[in-house]
Amino acid sequence: MVKLVEEIDESLSNPMWGQLRRPAPWEALAKAMERLQSPVVAIARDPALAEAARRARKICFCNTVDLGTIEDAIYAHGLTTVAAVTEHTKAVGGCCQRRIEGILVSEPSVTRQAVE
């Protein structure tokens, strides 16, 4: 019996068994893909998180002004022009003028809901 246990122990300490115990390469890839998709999945599941992500989208990259700041200024001050938006926010208006125009022409109810 002791001889059998010694043979089993010797077989298990063989370096070849270490290679067999390693996870398959596709398991590591699957875990990496899961980590990459987890923020997207979390945003899709939680409407409040999705709204926060939408409002956090940068509109003016020069002064890092986000969509939420611009929507809040439009709703609070009744802004209707790009010049008025640049006056009330730190958005420059040159690099982001078209994006601000797009926000201004979007439905006012959407902007109002985003602020509330």
C-alpha atoms as a PDB file:
ATOM      1  CA  MET A   1       0.000   0.000   0.000  1.00  0.00           C
ATOM      2  CA  VAL A   2       2.849   2.394   0.853  1.00  0.00           C
ATOM      3  CA  LYS A   3       4.469   1.659  -2.481  1.00  0.00           C
ATOM      4  CA  LEU A   4       1.227   2.543  -4.297  1.00  0.00           C
ATOM      5  CA  VAL A   5       0.944   5.878  -2.459  1.00  0.00           C
ATOM      6  CA  GLU A   6       4.577   6.687  -3.327  1.00  0.00           C
ATOM      7  CA  GLU A   7       3.928   5.971  -7.018  1.00  0.00           C
ATOM      8  CA  ILE A   8       0.831   8.154  -7.045  1.00  0.00           C
ATOM      9  CA  ASP A   9       2.699  10.983  -5.315  1.00  0.00           C
ATOM     10  CA  GLU A  10       5.566  10.703  -7.797  1.00  0.00           C
ATOM     11  CA  SER A  11       3.149  10.745 -10.736  1.00  0.00           C
ATOM     12  CA  LEU A  12       1.315  13.825  -9.468  1.00  0.00           C
ATOM     13  CA  SER A  13       4.543  15.772  -8.957  1.00  0.00           C
ATOM     14  CA  ASN A  14       5.459  15.260 -12.608  1.00  0.00           C
ATOM     15  CA  PRO A  15       5.788  18.683 -14.405  1.00  0.00           C
ATOM     16  CA  MET A  16       3.469  17.463 -17.140  1.00  0.00           C
ATOM     17  CA  TRP A  17       0.534  17.589 -14.700  1.00  0.00           C
ATOM     18  CA  GLY A  18       1.198  21.278 -14.084  1.00  0.00           C
ATOM     19  CA  GLN A  19       0.641  21.963 -17.771  1.00  0.00           C
ATOM     20  CA  LEU A  20      -2.616  20.043 -17.752  1.00  0.00           C
ATOM     21  CA  ARG A  21      -3.896  21.960 -14.735  1.00  0.00           C
ATOM     22  CA  ARG A  22      -3.488  25.378 -16.398  1.00  0.00           C
ATOM     23  CA  PRO A  23      -6.709  26.981 -17.649  1.00  0.00           C
ATOM     24  CA  ALA A  24      -7.357  26.811 -21.352  1.00  0.00           C
ATOM     25  CA  PRO A  25      -6.285  29.931 -23.313  1.00  0.00           C
ATOM     26  CA  TRP A  26      -9.849  30.642 -24.387  1.00  0.00           C
ATOM     27  CA  GLU A  27     -10.931  30.827 -20.726  1.00  0.00           C
ATOM     28  CA  ALA A  28      -8.579  33.763 -20.154  1.00  0.00           C
ATOM     29  CA  LEU A  29      -9.892  35.409 -23.315  1.00  0.00           C
ATOM     30  CA  ALA A  30     -13.483  34.913 -22.159  1.00  0.00           C
ATOM     31  CA  LYS A  31     -12.690  36.522 -18.785  1.00  0.00           C
ATOM     32  CA  ALA A  32     -11.015  39.485 -20.507  1.00  0.00           C
ATOM     33  CA  MET A  33     -14.019  39.975 -22.790  1.00  0.00           C
ATOM     34  CA  GLU A  34     -16.321  39.794 -19.768  1.00  0.00           C
ATOM     35  CA  ARG A  35     -14.348  42.555 -18.016  1.00  0.00           C
ATOM     36  CA  LEU A  36     -14.529  44.740 -21.133  1.00  0.00           C
ATOM     37  CA  GLN A  37     -18.269  44.295 -21.541  1.00  0.00           C
ATOM     38  CA  SER A  38     -19.229  44.666 -17.884  1.00  0.00           C
ATOM     39  CA  PRO A  39     -19.505  48.522 -17.918  1.00  0.00           C
ATOM     40  CA  VAL A  40     -21.644  48.370 -21.059  1.00  0.00           C
ATOM     41  CA  VAL A  41     -23.873  45.712 -19.543  1.00  0.00           C
ATOM     42  CA  ALA A  42     -24.209  47.693 -16.308  1.00  0.00           C
ATOM     43  CA  ILE A  43     -25.240  50.807 -18.223  1.00  0.00           C
ATOM     44  CA  ALA A  44     -27.776  48.824 -20.254  1.00  0.00           C
ATOM     45  CA  ARG A  45     -29.334  47.367 -17.101  1.00  0.00           C
ATOM     46  CA  ASP A  46     -29.588  50.588 -15.096  1.00  0.00           C
ATOM     47  CA  PRO A  47     -31.443  53.530 -16.685  1.00  0.00           C
ATOM     48  CA  ALA A  48     -30.063  55.993 -14.115  1.00  0.00           C
ATOM     49  CA  LEU A  49     -26.519  54.903 -14.920  1.00  0.00           C
ATOM     50  CA  ALA A  50     -27.267  55.194 -18.638  1.00  0.00           C
ATOM     51  CA  GLU A  51     -28.591  58.725 -18.132  1.00  0.00           C
ATOM     52  CA  ALA A  52     -25.522  59.676 -16.071  1.00  0.00           C
ATOM     53  CA  ALA A  53     -23.253  58.311 -18.807  1.00  0.00           C
ATOM     54  CA  ARG A  54     -25.191  60.231 -21.468  1.00  0.00           C
ATOM     55  CA  ARG A  55     -24.962  63.478 -19.506  1.00  0.00           C
ATOM     56  CA  ALA A  56     -21.238  62.923 -18.846  1.00  0.00           C
ATOM     57  CA  ARG A  57     -20.442  62.843 -22.588  1.00  0.00           C
ATOM     58  CA  LYS A  58     -17.954  65.604 -23.387  1.00  0.00           C
ATOM     59  CA  ILE A  59     -19.217  68.228 -25.816  1.00  0.00           C
ATOM     60  CA  CYS A  60     -16.388  70.770 -25.607  1.00  0.00           C
ATOM     61  CA  PHE A  61     -13.041  69.023 -25.342  1.00  0.00           C
ATOM     62  CA  CYS A  62     -11.098  72.294 -24.979  1.00  0.00           C
ATOM     63  CA  ASN A  63     -12.665  73.109 -21.614  1.00  0.00           C
ATOM     64  CA  THR A  64     -14.103  69.655 -20.824  1.00  0.00           C
ATOM     65  CA  VAL A  65     -17.727  70.777 -20.758  1.00  0.00           C
ATOM     66  CA  ASP A  66     -20.168  67.888 -20.693  1.00  0.00           C
ATOM     67  CA  LEU A  67     -23.654  67.485 -22.101  1.00  0.00           C
ATOM     68  CA  GLY A  68     -25.307  67.714 -18.686  1.00  0.00           C
ATOM     69  CA  THR A  69     -23.781  71.127 -17.999  1.00  0.00           C
ATOM     70  CA  ILE A  70     -24.973  72.459 -21.344  1.00  0.00           C
ATOM     71  CA  GLU A  71     -28.469  70.974 -20.945  1.00  0.00           C
ATOM     72  CA  ASP A  72     -28.754  72.438 -17.442  1.00  0.00           C
ATOM     73  CA  ALA A  73     -27.735  75.901 -18.711  1.00  0.00           C
ATOM     74  CA  ILE A  74     -30.170  75.711 -21.635  1.00  0.00           C
ATOM     75  CA  TYR A  75     -33.052  74.750 -19.354  1.00  0.00           C
ATOM     76  CA  ALA A  76     -32.215  77.104 -16.478  1.00  0.00           C
ATOM     77  CA  HIS A  77     -31.645  80.206 -18.637  1.00  0.00           C
ATOM     78  CA  GLY A  78     -33.835  79.431 -21.663  1.00  0.00           C
ATOM     79  CA  LEU A  79     -30.867  79.600 -24.040  1.00  0.00           C
ATOM     80  CA  THR A  80     -31.527  79.334 -27.765  1.00  0.00           C
ATOM     81  CA  THR A  81     -28.218  80.273 -29.452  1.00  0.00           C
ATOM     82  CA  VAL A  82     -24.692  78.926 -29.453  1.00  0.00           C
ATOM     83  CA  ALA A  83     -23.409  82.340 -28.306  1.00  0.00           C
ATOM     84  CA  ALA A  84     -25.710  82.242 -25.271  1.00  0.00           C
ATOM     85  CA  VAL A  85     -24.570  78.711 -24.397  1.00  0.00           C
ATOM     86  CA  THR A  86     -20.888  79.710 -24.630  1.00  0.00           C
ATOM     87  CA  GLU A  87     -21.616  82.729 -22.451  1.00  0.00           C
ATOM     88  CA  HIS A  88     -23.226  80.638 -19.674  1.00  0.00           C
ATOM     89  CA  THR A  89     -20.887  77.652 -19.863  1.00  0.00           C
ATOM     90  CA  LYS A  90     -17.171  77.282 -20.446  1.00  0.00           C
ATOM     91  CA  ALA A  91     -17.802  75.783 -23.882  1.00  0.00           C
ATOM     92  CA  VAL A  92     -15.708  77.689 -26.410  1.00  0.00           C
ATOM     93  CA  GLY A  93     -18.110  77.388 -29.324  1.00  0.00           C
ATOM     94  CA  GLY A  94     -15.534  77.043 -32.106  1.00  0.00           C
ATOM     95  CA  CYS A  95     -14.616  73.381 -31.902  1.00  0.00           C
ATOM     96  CA  CYS A  96     -17.971  72.314 -30.517  1.00  0.00           C
ATOM     97  CA  GLN A  97     -20.342  74.679 -32.289  1.00  0.00           C
ATOM     98  CA  ARG A  98     -22.071  71.962 -34.321  1.00  0.00           C
ATOM     99  CA  ARG A  99     -22.521  69.756 -31.269  1.00  0.00           C
ATOM    100  CA  ILE A 100     -24.074  72.664 -29.340  1.00  0.00           C
ATOM    101  CA  GLU A 101     -26.354  73.451 -32.305  1.00  0.00           C
ATOM    102  CA  GLY A 102     -27.446  69.811 -32.299  1.00  0.00           C
ATOM    103  CA  ILE A 103     -28.327  70.040 -28.625  1.00  0.00           C
ATOM    104  CA  LEU A 104     -30.258  73.267 -29.187  1.00  0.00           C
ATOM    105  CA  VAL A 105     -32.362  71.791 -31.994  1.00  0.00           C
ATOM    106  CA  SER A 106     -33.145  68.612 -30.053  1.00  0.00           C
ATOM    107  CA  GLU A 107     -36.536  68.370 -28.398  1.00  0.00           C
ATOM    108  CA  PRO A 108     -36.881  70.694 -25.400  1.00  0.00           C
ATOM    109  CA  SER A 109     -38.761  67.997 -23.486  1.00  0.00           C
ATOM    110  CA  VAL A 110     -35.715  65.724 -23.695  1.00  0.00           C
ATOM    111  CA  THR A 111     -33.528  68.478 -22.262  1.00  0.00           C
ATOM    112  CA  ARG A 112     -36.065  69.179 -19.506  1.00  0.00           C
ATOM    113  CA  GLN A 113     -36.261  65.485 -18.570  1.00  0.00           C
ATOM    114  CA  ALA A 114     -32.461  65.243 -18.453  1.00  0.00           C
ATOM    115  CA  VAL A 115     -32.271  68.049 -15.894  1.00  0.00           C
ATOM    116  CA  GLU A 116     -35.092  66.725 -13.707  1.00  0.00           C
END
